[in-house]
Amino acid sequence: MPEYVAFWGCYIPARMPNIEAASRKVFEVLGVSIEELEGASCCPEPVISKLVARKLWTALAARNIALAEAKGKDIMTLCNGCYETLFEVNHMLKEDAELRNEVNQVLSGIGKKVEGKIEVKHVVEVLGEDIGIEKLKEYVKRPLRSLNVAVHYGCHLFRSAKPDDEDVWKKPRLLEELIRVTEANLVEYGVERLCCGYPARQANVEFSLKNRLHVKLKNMRESNADCIVLACPACYIQFELGQTELRRYVKETFRIPVLHIMELLALSFGISPDEIGIKLHRIPVKNVLEKVKI
């Protein structure tokens, strides 16, 4: 089985131990070895950080990449934002020798260097391609056939080295395939690709909630979705916390549970909800568990 350096990012260790627990359990079942990236910093965040201080953003990301290169293993991220930053910087440093030399001059001050020897992979690529969809199906012990799932891709999951290529849909389609592995039912709700609004909330919370999140939630509810499944902790925060915050701006209440894809896989693999900290969700997942008879 392949080995990876796990880049957990900021949100998962600090605010979402349930996602980390589910991931560790799933990798344990699959026999996938993951090594910790000691000394890693924030990726850093791919929107505001890049706009405000691009050179610093590039150097910090390069430092994280250098830490993984020292271990000789590809980086696996469980966050779309971390993927965006690390993938983009890794790609730039491989393609642009002048930039790589400039960054390495900065990193030399702390005894680090980037050589372009590793890849940055999102967890959906690791599961869907490196392990394989058919192989994953062998580990499903608890099919989730009665569960209606609304998928949220997240903007950064469309990141590709070839922006004009159809490859931009590769990871979103893999996320769909991973949901189908569990035998849950994917429901269509019409605005799957619309941003959840998380980046916008850093500048305008009301716009973020009313003009992005509310639109998605209304369509999801009309599709009779039992839960939302995604692959990004920032989107996870927007959907969980945002459903509560939205009450200030609209006369509607939403209580649609939110699950990271690793939690959905863990449940389908027969792993106990208690083992993955399912009770830590702000929006209770009780109805989801009852529907799939857990």
C-alpha atoms as a PDB file:
ATOM      1  CA  MET A   1       0.000   0.000   0.000  1.00  0.00           C
ATOM      2  CA  PRO A   2       1.172   3.576  -0.686  1.00  0.00           C
ATOM      3  CA  GLU A   3       2.567   5.861   2.019  1.00  0.00           C
ATOM      4  CA  TYR A   4       1.887   9.567   2.458  1.00  0.00           C
ATOM      5  CA  VAL A   5       2.701  12.522   4.626  1.00  0.00           C
ATOM      6  CA  ALA A   6      -0.588  13.765   6.088  1.00  0.00           C
ATOM      7  CA  PHE A   7      -1.136  17.507   5.956  1.00  0.00           C
ATOM      8  CA  TRP A   8      -4.019  18.019   8.397  1.00  0.00           C
ATOM      9  CA  GLY A   9      -4.102  21.796   8.051  1.00  0.00           C
ATOM     10  CA  CYS A  10      -5.359  24.122  10.794  1.00  0.00           C
ATOM     11  CA  TYR A  11      -9.089  23.489  11.110  1.00  0.00           C
ATOM     12  CA  ILE A  12      -9.115  19.707  11.406  1.00  0.00           C
ATOM     13  CA  PRO A  13      -6.753  19.351  14.406  1.00  0.00           C
ATOM     14  CA  ALA A  14      -8.077  22.459  16.166  1.00  0.00           C
ATOM     15  CA  ARG A  15     -11.820  22.281  15.524  1.00  0.00           C
ATOM     16  CA  MET A  16     -12.765  18.992  13.855  1.00  0.00           C
ATOM     17  CA  PRO A  17     -11.135  16.025  15.586  1.00  0.00           C
ATOM     18  CA  ASN A  18     -14.015  13.925  14.237  1.00  0.00           C
ATOM     19  CA  ILE A  19     -12.646  14.284  10.697  1.00  0.00           C
ATOM     20  CA  GLU A  20      -9.153  13.307  11.802  1.00  0.00           C
ATOM     21  CA  ALA A  21     -10.487  10.343  13.803  1.00  0.00           C
ATOM     22  CA  ALA A  22     -12.580   9.113  10.858  1.00  0.00           C
ATOM     23  CA  SER A  23      -9.626   9.489   8.493  1.00  0.00           C
ATOM     24  CA  ARG A  24      -7.233   7.600  10.736  1.00  0.00           C
ATOM     25  CA  LYS A  25      -9.754   4.763  11.145  1.00  0.00           C
ATOM     26  CA  VAL A  26     -10.386   4.515   7.404  1.00  0.00           C
ATOM     27  CA  PHE A  27      -6.668   4.506   6.570  1.00  0.00           C
ATOM     28  CA  GLU A  28      -6.095   1.878   9.254  1.00  0.00           C
ATOM     29  CA  VAL A  29      -8.737  -0.379   7.700  1.00  0.00           C
ATOM     30  CA  LEU A  30      -7.257   0.156   4.227  1.00  0.00           C
ATOM     31  CA  GLY A  31      -3.708  -0.483   5.420  1.00  0.00           C
ATOM     32  CA  VAL A  32      -2.538   2.934   4.219  1.00  0.00           C
ATOM     33  CA  SER A  33       0.485   4.296   6.079  1.00  0.00           C
ATOM     34  CA  ILE A  34       0.362   8.008   6.896  1.00  0.00           C
ATOM     35  CA  GLU A  35       3.232   9.859   8.489  1.00  0.00           C
ATOM     36  CA  GLU A  36       2.923  13.086  10.449  1.00  0.00           C
ATOM     37  CA  LEU A  37       4.482  16.265   9.076  1.00  0.00           C
ATOM     38  CA  GLU A  38       6.245  17.532  12.177  1.00  0.00           C
ATOM     39  CA  GLY A  39       6.740  21.278  12.289  1.00  0.00           C
ATOM     40  CA  ALA A  40       4.207  22.080   9.573  1.00  0.00           C
ATOM     41  CA  SER A  41       2.565  25.508   9.595  1.00  0.00           C
ATOM     42  CA  CYS A  42      -0.675  26.791   8.094  1.00  0.00           C
ATOM     43  CA  CYS A  43      -0.644  25.967   4.361  1.00  0.00           C
ATOM     44  CA  PRO A  44      -1.210  29.119   4.263  1.00  0.00           C
ATOM     45  CA  GLU A  45      -4.831  30.025   3.418  1.00  0.00           C
ATOM     46  CA  PRO A  46      -5.225  30.368  -0.378  1.00  0.00           C
ATOM     47  CA  VAL A  47      -7.417  33.454  -0.799  1.00  0.00           C
ATOM     48  CA  ILE A  48      -6.663  36.432   1.464  1.00  0.00           C
ATOM     49  CA  SER A  49      -3.081  35.382   2.305  1.00  0.00           C
ATOM     50  CA  LYS A  50      -2.145  35.143  -1.354  1.00  0.00           C
ATOM     51  CA  LEU A  51      -3.687  38.527  -2.156  1.00  0.00           C
ATOM     52  CA  VAL A  52      -2.140  40.344   0.791  1.00  0.00           C
ATOM     53  CA  ALA A  53       1.385  38.877   0.771  1.00  0.00           C
ATOM     54  CA  ARG A  54       2.043  36.594  -2.193  1.00  0.00           C
ATOM     55  CA  LYS A  55       5.788  36.173  -1.547  1.00  0.00           C
ATOM     56  CA  LEU A  56       5.180  35.200   2.081  1.00  0.00           C
ATOM     57  CA  TRP A  57       2.363  32.867   1.022  1.00  0.00           C
ATOM     58  CA  THR A  58       4.684  31.167  -1.476  1.00  0.00           C
ATOM     59  CA  ALA A  59       7.580  30.847   0.974  1.00  0.00           C
ATOM     60  CA  LEU A  60       5.454  29.378   3.775  1.00  0.00           C
ATOM     61  CA  ALA A  61       3.895  26.838   1.426  1.00  0.00           C
ATOM     62  CA  ALA A  62       7.362  25.980   0.080  1.00  0.00           C
ATOM     63  CA  ARG A  63       8.575  25.354   3.629  1.00  0.00           C
ATOM     64  CA  ASN A  64       5.771  22.811   4.159  1.00  0.00           C
ATOM     65  CA  ILE A  65       6.640  21.155   0.861  1.00  0.00           C
ATOM     66  CA  ALA A  66      10.322  21.019   1.854  1.00  0.00           C
ATOM     67  CA  LEU A  67       9.384  19.226   5.099  1.00  0.00           C
ATOM     68  CA  ALA A  68       7.551  16.565   3.084  1.00  0.00           C
ATOM     69  CA  GLU A  69      10.380  16.269   0.544  1.00  0.00           C
ATOM     70  CA  ALA A  70      12.758  15.527   3.411  1.00  0.00           C
ATOM     71  CA  LYS A  71      10.635  12.468   4.154  1.00  0.00           C
ATOM     72  CA  GLY A  72      10.513  11.448   0.497  1.00  0.00           C
ATOM     73  CA  LYS A  73       6.718  11.061   0.470  1.00  0.00           C
ATOM     74  CA  ASP A  74       3.858  12.767  -1.341  1.00  0.00           C
ATOM     75  CA  ILE A  75       1.652  15.147   0.623  1.00  0.00           C
ATOM     76  CA  MET A  76      -1.977  14.131   1.188  1.00  0.00           C
ATOM     77  CA  THR A  77      -4.406  16.894   2.164  1.00  0.00           C
ATOM     78  CA  LEU A  78      -7.948  16.571   3.543  1.00  0.00           C
ATOM     79  CA  CYS A  79      -8.802  20.197   2.868  1.00  0.00           C
ATOM     80  CA  ASN A  80      -9.591  21.864  -0.451  1.00  0.00           C
ATOM     81  CA  GLY A  81      -7.933  25.103   0.617  1.00  0.00           C
ATOM     82  CA  CYS A  82      -4.720  23.401   1.732  1.00  0.00           C
ATOM     83  CA  TYR A  83      -4.761  21.485  -1.542  1.00  0.00           C
ATOM     84  CA  GLU A  84      -5.139  24.712  -3.550  1.00  0.00           C
ATOM     85  CA  THR A  85      -2.159  26.391  -1.887  1.00  0.00           C
ATOM     86  CA  LEU A  86       0.224  23.450  -1.740  1.00  0.00           C
ATOM     87  CA  PHE A  87      -0.663  22.175  -5.216  1.00  0.00           C
ATOM     88  CA  GLU A  88      -0.284  25.599  -6.809  1.00  0.00           C
ATOM     89  CA  VAL A  89       3.012  26.448  -5.118  1.00  0.00           C
ATOM     90  CA  ASN A  90       4.435  22.986  -5.772  1.00  0.00           C
ATOM     91  CA  HIS A  91       3.483  23.303  -9.446  1.00  0.00           C
ATOM     92  CA  MET A  92       4.945  26.824  -9.731  1.00  0.00           C
ATOM     93  CA  LEU A  93       8.234  25.811  -8.126  1.00  0.00           C
ATOM     94  CA  LYS A  94       8.591  22.859 -10.485  1.00  0.00           C
ATOM     95  CA  GLU A  95       7.829  24.909 -13.586  1.00  0.00           C
ATOM     96  CA  ASP A  96       9.645  28.156 -12.743  1.00  0.00           C
ATOM     97  CA  ALA A  97      13.355  27.687 -11.997  1.00  0.00           C
ATOM     98  CA  GLU A  98      13.849  31.384 -11.278  1.00  0.00           C
ATOM     99  CA  LEU A  99      11.076  31.396  -8.661  1.00  0.00           C
ATOM    100  CA  ARG A 100      12.414  28.151  -7.174  1.00  0.00           C
ATOM    101  CA  ASN A 101      15.870  29.680  -6.786  1.00  0.00           C
ATOM    102  CA  GLU A 102      14.401  32.798  -5.196  1.00  0.00           C
ATOM    103  CA  VAL A 103      12.334  30.782  -2.726  1.00  0.00           C
ATOM    104  CA  ASN A 104      15.205  28.453  -1.912  1.00  0.00           C
ATOM    105  CA  GLN A 105      17.363  31.451  -1.103  1.00  0.00           C
ATOM    106  CA  VAL A 106      14.766  32.428   1.507  1.00  0.00           C
ATOM    107  CA  LEU A 107      14.495  28.861   2.814  1.00  0.00           C
ATOM    108  CA  SER A 108      18.263  28.520   3.084  1.00  0.00           C
ATOM    109  CA  GLY A 109      18.073  30.757   6.131  1.00  0.00           C
ATOM    110  CA  ILE A 110      16.348  27.915   7.991  1.00  0.00           C
ATOM    111  CA  GLY A 111      18.272  25.102   6.328  1.00  0.00           C
ATOM    112  CA  LYS A 112      15.466  24.053   3.954  1.00  0.00           C
ATOM    113  CA  LYS A 113      15.274  23.555   0.192  1.00  0.00           C
ATOM    114  CA  VAL A 114      12.633  22.561  -2.366  1.00  0.00           C
ATOM    115  CA  GLU A 115      13.746  20.333  -5.232  1.00  0.00           C
ATOM    116  CA  GLY A 116      10.415  19.425  -6.842  1.00  0.00           C
ATOM    117  CA  LYS A 117      10.538  15.728  -6.000  1.00  0.00           C
ATOM    118  CA  ILE A 118       7.049  15.105  -4.621  1.00  0.00           C
ATOM    119  CA  GLU A 119       3.395  15.524  -5.541  1.00  0.00           C
ATOM    120  CA  VAL A 120       0.529  17.120  -3.629  1.00  0.00           C
ATOM    121  CA  LYS A 121      -2.638  15.007  -3.623  1.00  0.00           C
ATOM    122  CA  HIS A 122      -6.124  15.565  -2.294  1.00  0.00           C
ATOM    123  CA  VAL A 123      -7.494  12.674  -0.258  1.00  0.00           C
ATOM    124  CA  VAL A 124     -10.122  11.996  -2.950  1.00  0.00           C
ATOM    125  CA  GLU A 125      -7.270  11.307  -5.399  1.00  0.00           C
ATOM    126  CA  VAL A 126      -5.527   9.033  -2.921  1.00  0.00           C
ATOM    127  CA  LEU A 127      -8.706   7.040  -2.314  1.00  0.00           C
ATOM    128  CA  GLY A 128     -10.180   7.100  -5.804  1.00  0.00           C
ATOM    129  CA  GLU A 129      -7.029   6.626  -7.878  1.00  0.00           C
ATOM    130  CA  ASP A 130      -4.147   5.285  -5.787  1.00  0.00           C
ATOM    131  CA  ILE A 131      -6.308   2.784  -3.909  1.00  0.00           C
ATOM    132  CA  GLY A 132      -9.145   2.547  -6.418  1.00  0.00           C
ATOM    133  CA  ILE A 133     -12.931   2.657  -6.327  1.00  0.00           C
ATOM    134  CA  GLU A 134     -13.394  -1.095  -6.849  1.00  0.00           C
ATOM    135  CA  LYS A 135     -10.946  -1.887  -4.046  1.00  0.00           C
ATOM    136  CA  LEU A 136     -12.776   0.463  -1.669  1.00  0.00           C
ATOM    137  CA  LYS A 137     -16.052  -1.338  -2.327  1.00  0.00           C
ATOM    138  CA  GLU A 138     -14.556  -4.481  -0.779  1.00  0.00           C
ATOM    139  CA  TYR A 139     -14.404  -2.741   2.610  1.00  0.00           C
ATOM    140  CA  VAL A 140     -18.050  -1.641   2.771  1.00  0.00           C
ATOM    141  CA  LYS A 141     -19.737  -3.575   5.578  1.00  0.00           C
ATOM    142  CA  ARG A 142     -22.665  -1.240   6.175  1.00  0.00           C
ATOM    143  CA  PRO A 143     -24.203  -0.030   2.874  1.00  0.00           C
ATOM    144  CA  LEU A 144     -25.929   3.341   3.267  1.00  0.00           C
ATOM    145  CA  ARG A 145     -28.607   2.649   0.637  1.00  0.00           C
ATOM    146  CA  SER A 146     -31.412   4.541   2.363  1.00  0.00           C
ATOM    147  CA  LEU A 147     -29.411   7.787   2.691  1.00  0.00           C
ATOM    148  CA  ASN A 148     -30.010  10.725   0.336  1.00  0.00           C
ATOM    149  CA  VAL A 149     -26.816  12.778  -0.040  1.00  0.00           C
ATOM    150  CA  ALA A 150     -26.308  16.264  -1.471  1.00  0.00           C
ATOM    151  CA  VAL A 151     -22.696  16.684  -2.530  1.00  0.00           C
ATOM    152  CA  HIS A 152     -20.840  19.968  -2.211  1.00  0.00           C
ATOM    153  CA  TYR A 153     -17.602  19.933  -4.198  1.00  0.00           C
ATOM    154  CA  GLY A 154     -15.998  23.118  -2.919  1.00  0.00           C
ATOM    155  CA  CYS A 155     -14.307  25.588  -5.278  1.00  0.00           C
ATOM    156  CA  HIS A 156     -10.683  24.534  -4.783  1.00  0.00           C
ATOM    157  CA  LEU A 157     -11.460  20.914  -5.651  1.00  0.00           C
ATOM    158  CA  PHE A 158     -11.562  22.084  -9.276  1.00  0.00           C
ATOM    159  CA  ARG A 159      -7.895  23.115  -9.123  1.00  0.00           C
ATOM    160  CA  SER A 160      -5.831  21.683 -11.956  1.00  0.00           C
ATOM    161  CA  ALA A 161      -2.462  22.278 -13.558  1.00  0.00           C
ATOM    162  CA  LYS A 162      -4.430  22.722 -16.801  1.00  0.00           C
ATOM    163  CA  PRO A 163      -7.222  25.231 -16.112  1.00  0.00           C
ATOM    164  CA  ASP A 164      -8.744  24.862 -19.587  1.00  0.00           C
ATOM    165  CA  ASP A 165      -8.671  21.087 -19.536  1.00  0.00           C
ATOM    166  CA  GLU A 166     -11.579  18.779 -18.659  1.00  0.00           C
ATOM    167  CA  ASP A 167      -9.274  17.529 -15.905  1.00  0.00           C
ATOM    168  CA  VAL A 168     -10.745  20.223 -13.627  1.00  0.00           C
ATOM    169  CA  TRP A 169     -13.703  17.857 -13.085  1.00  0.00           C
ATOM    170  CA  LYS A 170     -11.505  14.914 -12.129  1.00  0.00           C
ATOM    171  CA  LYS A 171     -11.562  15.408  -8.354  1.00  0.00           C
ATOM    172  CA  PRO A 172     -15.241  16.457  -8.118  1.00  0.00           C
ATOM    173  CA  ARG A 173     -16.179  13.293 -10.025  1.00  0.00           C
ATOM    174  CA  LEU A 174     -13.972  11.246  -7.702  1.00  0.00           C
ATOM    175  CA  LEU A 175     -15.832  12.720  -4.731  1.00  0.00           C
ATOM    176  CA  GLU A 176     -19.098  11.577  -6.299  1.00  0.00           C
ATOM    177  CA  GLU A 177     -17.655   8.115  -6.882  1.00  0.00           C
ATOM    178  CA  LEU A 178     -16.542   7.880  -3.249  1.00  0.00           C
ATOM    179  CA  ILE A 179     -20.077   8.677  -2.115  1.00  0.00           C
ATOM    180  CA  ARG A 180     -21.394   5.957  -4.443  1.00  0.00           C
ATOM    181  CA  VAL A 181     -18.932   3.500  -2.886  1.00  0.00           C
ATOM    182  CA  THR A 182     -21.013   3.733   0.308  1.00  0.00           C
ATOM    183  CA  GLU A 183     -24.148   2.986  -1.785  1.00  0.00           C
ATOM    184  CA  ALA A 184     -25.764   6.235  -0.612  1.00  0.00           C
ATOM    185  CA  ASN A 185     -28.042   7.997  -3.103  1.00  0.00           C
ATOM    186  CA  LEU A 186     -26.663  11.153  -4.719  1.00  0.00           C
ATOM    187  CA  VAL A 187     -29.446  13.695  -5.193  1.00  0.00           C
ATOM    188  CA  GLU A 188     -29.313  16.499  -7.735  1.00  0.00           C
ATOM    189  CA  TYR A 189     -30.131  19.990  -6.498  1.00  0.00           C
ATOM    190  CA  GLY A 190     -29.057  22.213  -9.377  1.00  0.00           C
ATOM    191  CA  VAL A 191     -26.398  24.452  -7.813  1.00  0.00           C
ATOM    192  CA  GLU A 192     -23.765  21.884  -6.927  1.00  0.00           C
ATOM    193  CA  ARG A 193     -20.875  23.994  -8.210  1.00  0.00           C
ATOM    194  CA  LEU A 194     -21.981  27.247  -6.518  1.00  0.00           C
ATOM    195  CA  CYS A 195     -19.513  28.385  -3.842  1.00  0.00           C
ATOM    196  CA  CYS A 196     -20.758  27.831  -0.281  1.00  0.00           C
ATOM    197  CA  GLY A 197     -19.773  31.414   0.524  1.00  0.00           C
ATOM    198  CA  TYR A 198     -16.974  30.739   2.978  1.00  0.00           C
ATOM    199  CA  PRO A 199     -14.345  32.953   1.273  1.00  0.00           C
ATOM    200  CA  ALA A 200     -16.827  35.835   1.036  1.00  0.00           C
ATOM    201  CA  ARG A 201     -17.641  35.698   4.760  1.00  0.00           C
ATOM    202  CA  GLN A 202     -14.181  37.102   5.474  1.00  0.00           C
ATOM    203  CA  ALA A 203     -15.356  40.370   3.896  1.00  0.00           C
ATOM    204  CA  ASN A 204     -19.169  40.298   4.077  1.00  0.00           C
ATOM    205  CA  VAL A 205     -20.905  37.751   6.308  1.00  0.00           C
ATOM    206  CA  GLU A 206     -24.432  38.745   5.243  1.00  0.00           C
ATOM    207  CA  PHE A 207     -23.651  38.305   1.533  1.00  0.00           C
ATOM    208  CA  SER A 208     -21.879  35.036   2.262  1.00  0.00           C
ATOM    209  CA  LEU A 209     -24.893  33.597   4.083  1.00  0.00           C
ATOM    210  CA  LYS A 210     -27.827  35.069   2.163  1.00  0.00           C
ATOM    211  CA  ASN A 211     -26.474  35.016  -1.393  1.00  0.00           C
ATOM    212  CA  ARG A 212     -24.504  31.806  -1.299  1.00  0.00           C
ATOM    213  CA  LEU A 213     -25.278  29.461   1.596  1.00  0.00           C
ATOM    214  CA  HIS A 214     -29.026  30.146   1.648  1.00  0.00           C
ATOM    215  CA  VAL A 215     -29.322  29.421  -2.073  1.00  0.00           C
ATOM    216  CA  LYS A 216     -27.598  26.075  -1.691  1.00  0.00           C
ATOM    217  CA  LEU A 217     -29.495  25.032   1.432  1.00  0.00           C
ATOM    218  CA  LYS A 218     -32.919  25.794  -0.090  1.00  0.00           C
ATOM    219  CA  ASN A 219     -32.141  23.653  -3.113  1.00  0.00           C
ATOM    220  CA  MET A 220     -30.713  20.866  -0.970  1.00  0.00           C
ATOM    221  CA  ARG A 221     -33.825  20.782   1.198  1.00  0.00           C
ATOM    222  CA  GLU A 222     -36.089  20.710  -1.852  1.00  0.00           C
ATOM    223  CA  SER A 223     -34.118  17.716  -3.146  1.00  0.00           C
ATOM    224  CA  ASN A 224     -34.979  15.823   0.091  1.00  0.00           C
ATOM    225  CA  ALA A 225     -31.325  15.466   1.044  1.00  0.00           C
ATOM    226  CA  ASP A 226     -30.760  13.806   4.418  1.00  0.00           C
ATOM    227  CA  CYS A 227     -27.267  15.255   4.714  1.00  0.00           C
ATOM    228  CA  ILE A 228     -24.541  17.229   2.968  1.00  0.00           C
ATOM    229  CA  VAL A 229     -21.254  15.501   2.133  1.00  0.00           C
ATOM    230  CA  LEU A 230     -18.119  17.470   1.302  1.00  0.00           C
ATOM    231  CA  ALA A 231     -14.338  17.260   1.361  1.00  0.00           C
ATOM    232  CA  CYS A 232     -13.268  20.578   2.872  1.00  0.00           C
ATOM    233  CA  PRO A 233     -13.246  21.713   6.535  1.00  0.00           C
ATOM    234  CA  ALA A 234     -13.754  25.378   5.580  1.00  0.00           C
ATOM    235  CA  CYS A 235     -16.919  24.465   3.671  1.00  0.00           C
ATOM    236  CA  TYR A 236     -17.838  22.251   6.636  1.00  0.00           C
ATOM    237  CA  ILE A 237     -17.691  25.292   8.945  1.00  0.00           C
ATOM    238  CA  GLN A 238     -19.770  27.361   6.539  1.00  0.00           C
ATOM    239  CA  PHE A 239     -22.514  24.738   6.307  1.00  0.00           C
ATOM    240  CA  GLU A 240     -22.609  23.831  10.021  1.00  0.00           C
ATOM    241  CA  LEU A 241     -22.051  27.183  11.704  1.00  0.00           C
ATOM    242  CA  GLY A 242     -23.667  29.080   8.845  1.00  0.00           C
ATOM    243  CA  GLN A 243     -27.007  27.299   9.231  1.00  0.00           C
ATOM    244  CA  THR A 244     -27.231  28.739  12.746  1.00  0.00           C
ATOM    245  CA  GLU A 245     -26.013  32.205  11.721  1.00  0.00           C
ATOM    246  CA  LEU A 246     -28.436  32.330   8.807  1.00  0.00           C
ATOM    247  CA  ARG A 247     -31.372  32.744  11.195  1.00  0.00           C
ATOM    248  CA  ARG A 248     -30.339  36.372  11.674  1.00  0.00           C
ATOM    249  CA  TYR A 249     -30.925  37.158   8.011  1.00  0.00           C
ATOM    250  CA  VAL A 250     -33.771  34.934   6.762  1.00  0.00           C
ATOM    251  CA  LYS A 251     -37.008  33.657   8.279  1.00  0.00           C
ATOM    252  CA  GLU A 252     -36.091  30.031   7.792  1.00  0.00           C
ATOM    253  CA  THR A 253     -34.428  27.387   9.899  1.00  0.00           C
ATOM    254  CA  PHE A 254     -32.172  24.734   8.392  1.00  0.00           C
ATOM    255  CA  ARG A 255     -30.872  21.675  10.235  1.00  0.00           C
ATOM    256  CA  ILE A 256     -29.246  19.590   7.505  1.00  0.00           C
ATOM    257  CA  PRO A 257     -26.395  17.480   8.938  1.00  0.00           C
ATOM    258  CA  VAL A 258     -22.949  17.898   7.388  1.00  0.00           C
ATOM    259  CA  LEU A 259     -20.454  15.053   6.943  1.00  0.00           C
ATOM    260  CA  HIS A 260     -16.913  15.007   5.610  1.00  0.00           C
ATOM    261  CA  ILE A 261     -16.423  12.248   3.032  1.00  0.00           C
ATOM    262  CA  MET A 262     -14.089  10.441   5.456  1.00  0.00           C
ATOM    263  CA  GLU A 263     -16.894  10.228   8.025  1.00  0.00           C
ATOM    264  CA  LEU A 264     -19.297   8.815   5.441  1.00  0.00           C
ATOM    265  CA  LEU A 265     -16.742   6.199   4.398  1.00  0.00           C
ATOM    266  CA  ALA A 266     -16.007   5.313   8.023  1.00  0.00           C
ATOM    267  CA  LEU A 267     -19.694   4.662   8.715  1.00  0.00           C
ATOM    268  CA  SER A 268     -20.015   2.491   5.590  1.00  0.00           C
ATOM    269  CA  PHE A 269     -16.900   0.545   6.616  1.00  0.00           C
ATOM    270  CA  GLY A 270     -18.699  -0.484   9.795  1.00  0.00           C
ATOM    271  CA  ILE A 271     -16.730   1.789  12.113  1.00  0.00           C
ATOM    272  CA  SER A 272     -18.650   2.855  15.210  1.00  0.00           C
ATOM    273  CA  PRO A 273     -19.945   6.468  15.275  1.00  0.00           C
ATOM    274  CA  ASP A 274     -18.468   6.830  18.772  1.00  0.00           C
ATOM    275  CA  GLU A 275     -15.004   5.905  17.485  1.00  0.00           C
ATOM    276  CA  ILE A 276     -15.024   8.835  15.077  1.00  0.00           C
ATOM    277  CA  GLY A 277     -16.548  11.412  17.426  1.00  0.00           C
ATOM    278  CA  ILE A 278     -19.805  11.802  15.517  1.00  0.00           C
ATOM    279  CA  LYS A 279     -21.363  13.529  18.551  1.00  0.00           C
ATOM    280  CA  LEU A 280     -19.065  16.513  18.038  1.00  0.00           C
ATOM    281  CA  HIS A 281     -21.183  17.827  15.177  1.00  0.00           C
ATOM    282  CA  ARG A 282     -22.944  21.148  15.811  1.00  0.00           C
ATOM    283  CA  ILE A 283     -25.906  19.871  13.805  1.00  0.00           C
ATOM    284  CA  PRO A 284     -26.760  16.423  15.234  1.00  0.00           C
ATOM    285  CA  VAL A 285     -26.310  13.463  12.896  1.00  0.00           C
ATOM    286  CA  LYS A 286     -28.832  11.402  14.882  1.00  0.00           C
ATOM    287  CA  ASN A 287     -31.429  11.298  12.094  1.00  0.00           C
ATOM    288  CA  VAL A 288     -28.799  10.151   9.619  1.00  0.00           C
ATOM    289  CA  LEU A 289     -27.706   7.306  11.886  1.00  0.00           C
ATOM    290  CA  GLU A 290     -31.305   6.268  12.496  1.00  0.00           C
ATOM    291  CA  LYS A 291     -32.075   6.223   8.786  1.00  0.00           C
ATOM    292  CA  VAL A 292     -29.172   3.868   8.054  1.00  0.00           C
ATOM    293  CA  LYS A 293     -30.004   1.842  11.190  1.00  0.00           C
ATOM    294  CA  ILE A 294     -26.817   2.513  13.152  1.00  0.00           C
END
